[in-house]
Amino acid sequence: MKLTTFNSFGKITISKRAICKVAGVSALECVGVVGLVSQRSFFKGNALTTAHKGVVVTSLENDCMKLDVYVVMRHCGVSASAVSESIRQSVKYSVERFAGMIVKSVAVHIVDVRI
């Protein structure tokens, strides 16, 4: 499925996979993130996946989107809420800048914590 938006330059179409890839790379750059986990491997031993498989675009309406990010964190002395907020802000900024669409929310799901 593709996302379509209109602006002064005309019609812009972006694949969901491209948006997921940008969001995934942005999440992986945050301190405390070991990797991303796809929803399918959620109960199969939490195998780390490539960047686009750990992100899901859950809702699209009126040039706005909602994202779910499934992460594996490293226990590094920083609180999980601080790492989650860092992921939210980083993903929101990167996707909005890339797609030119508004990100309403980014839900961060911490699947596992590595020590």
Protein backbone atom coordinates (compact mmCIF):
# COMPACT_ATOMS: atom_id res chain seq x y z
CA MET A 1 0.00 0.00 0.00
CA LYS A 2 1.18 3.53 -0.71
CA LEU A 3 0.69 6.89 0.94
CA THR A 4 -0.39 9.78 -1.23
CA THR A 5 -0.32 13.47 -0.41
CA PHE A 6 -0.66 16.68 -2.40
CA ASN A 7 1.32 19.87 -2.00
CA SER A 8 2.46 22.82 -4.12
CA PHE A 9 4.70 20.52 -6.17
CA GLY A 10 1.86 18.14 -7.04
CA LYS A 11 0.99 14.58 -6.05
CA ILE A 12 3.52 12.65 -3.97
CA THR A 13 3.29 8.89 -3.46
CA ILE A 14 5.47 7.09 -0.90
CA SER A 15 5.39 3.38 -0.09
CA LYS A 16 4.71 2.29 3.48
CA ARG A 17 7.92 0.26 3.37
CA ALA A 18 9.95 3.42 2.69
CA ILE A 19 8.35 5.18 5.66
CA CYS A 20 8.97 2.15 7.86
CA LYS A 21 12.61 2.05 6.76
CA VAL A 22 13.17 5.73 7.63
CA ALA A 23 11.46 5.27 11.01
CA GLY A 24 13.44 2.09 11.73
CA VAL A 25 16.82 3.63 10.95
CA SER A 26 15.92 6.64 13.08
CA ALA A 27 14.95 4.38 16.01
CA LEU A 28 18.14 2.33 15.70
CA GLU A 29 20.24 5.49 16.06
CA CYS A 30 18.83 6.20 19.53
CA VAL A 31 20.94 5.42 22.58
CA GLY A 32 19.84 2.23 24.33
CA VAL A 33 18.25 0.52 21.32
CA VAL A 34 19.76 -2.86 20.41
CA GLY A 35 17.44 -3.63 17.51
CA LEU A 36 13.94 -3.90 16.15
CA VAL A 37 11.62 -6.89 16.29
CA SER A 38 8.88 -7.68 13.80
CA GLN A 39 5.40 -8.42 15.06
CA ARG A 40 5.56 -11.91 13.55
CA SER A 41 8.65 -12.87 15.55
CA PHE A 42 7.17 -11.35 18.70
CA PHE A 43 6.58 -14.79 20.25
CA LYS A 44 9.27 -16.71 18.35
CA GLY A 45 12.36 -15.89 20.38
CA ASN A 46 12.50 -12.18 19.51
CA ALA A 47 14.85 -12.45 16.56
CA LEU A 48 16.24 -9.05 15.57
CA THR A 49 15.15 -7.94 12.12
CA THR A 50 15.98 -5.35 9.52
CA ALA A 51 14.92 -1.75 10.05
CA HIS A 52 11.63 -1.75 8.16
CA LYS A 53 10.19 -4.89 9.79
CA GLY A 54 10.09 -3.49 13.31
CA VAL A 55 7.85 -0.56 12.36
CA VAL A 56 4.16 -0.66 11.44
CA VAL A 57 2.09 2.19 9.98
CA THR A 58 -1.17 1.64 11.85
CA SER A 59 -3.43 4.47 10.72
CA LEU A 60 -3.67 6.95 7.88
CA GLU A 61 -6.19 9.77 7.69
CA ASN A 62 -6.06 13.33 6.35
CA ASP A 63 -2.29 13.35 5.69
CA CYS A 64 -1.66 12.11 9.26
CA MET A 65 -0.23 8.77 10.32
CA LYS A 66 0.30 6.69 13.44
CA LEU A 67 3.32 4.44 13.85
CA ASP A 68 4.12 1.46 16.08
CA VAL A 69 7.79 0.70 16.78
CA TYR A 70 8.82 -2.63 18.34
CA VAL A 71 12.27 -2.38 19.97
CA VAL A 72 14.75 -4.39 22.00
CA MET A 73 16.51 -2.18 24.52
CA ARG A 74 19.89 -2.45 26.20
CA HIS A 75 20.01 -1.81 29.93
CA CYS A 76 22.49 1.06 29.96
CA GLY A 77 21.62 2.98 33.11
CA VAL A 78 19.04 5.17 31.37
CA SER A 79 15.35 4.80 32.18
CA ALA A 80 13.13 3.05 29.67
CA SER A 81 10.81 6.04 29.55
CA ALA A 82 13.68 8.34 28.56
CA VAL A 83 14.75 5.98 25.77
CA SER A 84 11.13 5.65 24.59
CA GLU A 85 10.71 9.43 24.48
CA SER A 86 13.96 9.74 22.53
CA ILE A 87 12.69 7.16 20.01
CA ARG A 88 9.33 8.96 19.71
CA GLN A 89 10.90 12.34 19.02
CA SER A 90 13.52 10.99 16.62
CA VAL A 91 11.06 8.90 14.59
CA LYS A 92 8.45 11.67 14.47
CA TYR A 93 10.99 14.24 13.24
CA SER A 94 12.58 11.93 10.64
CA VAL A 95 9.31 10.68 9.14
CA GLU A 96 7.68 14.11 9.04
CA ARG A 97 10.74 15.54 7.34
CA PHE A 98 10.97 12.65 4.86
CA ALA A 99 7.30 12.24 3.96
CA GLY A 100 5.98 15.76 4.44
CA MET A 101 3.06 14.30 6.38
CA ILE A 102 2.11 14.76 10.02
CA VAL A 103 2.85 11.94 12.47
CA LYS A 104 0.08 12.00 15.08
CA SER A 105 1.66 9.47 17.40
CA VAL A 106 4.51 7.02 17.71
CA ALA A 107 3.81 4.07 20.01
CA VAL A 108 7.01 2.45 21.29
CA HIS A 109 6.64 -1.20 22.35
CA ILE A 110 9.58 -2.51 24.39
CA VAL A 111 9.66 -6.21 23.57
CA ASP A 112 12.82 -7.23 25.41
CA VAL A 113 15.63 -5.78 27.51
CA ARG A 114 19.19 -7.07 27.09
CA ILE A 115 21.73 -6.79 29.85
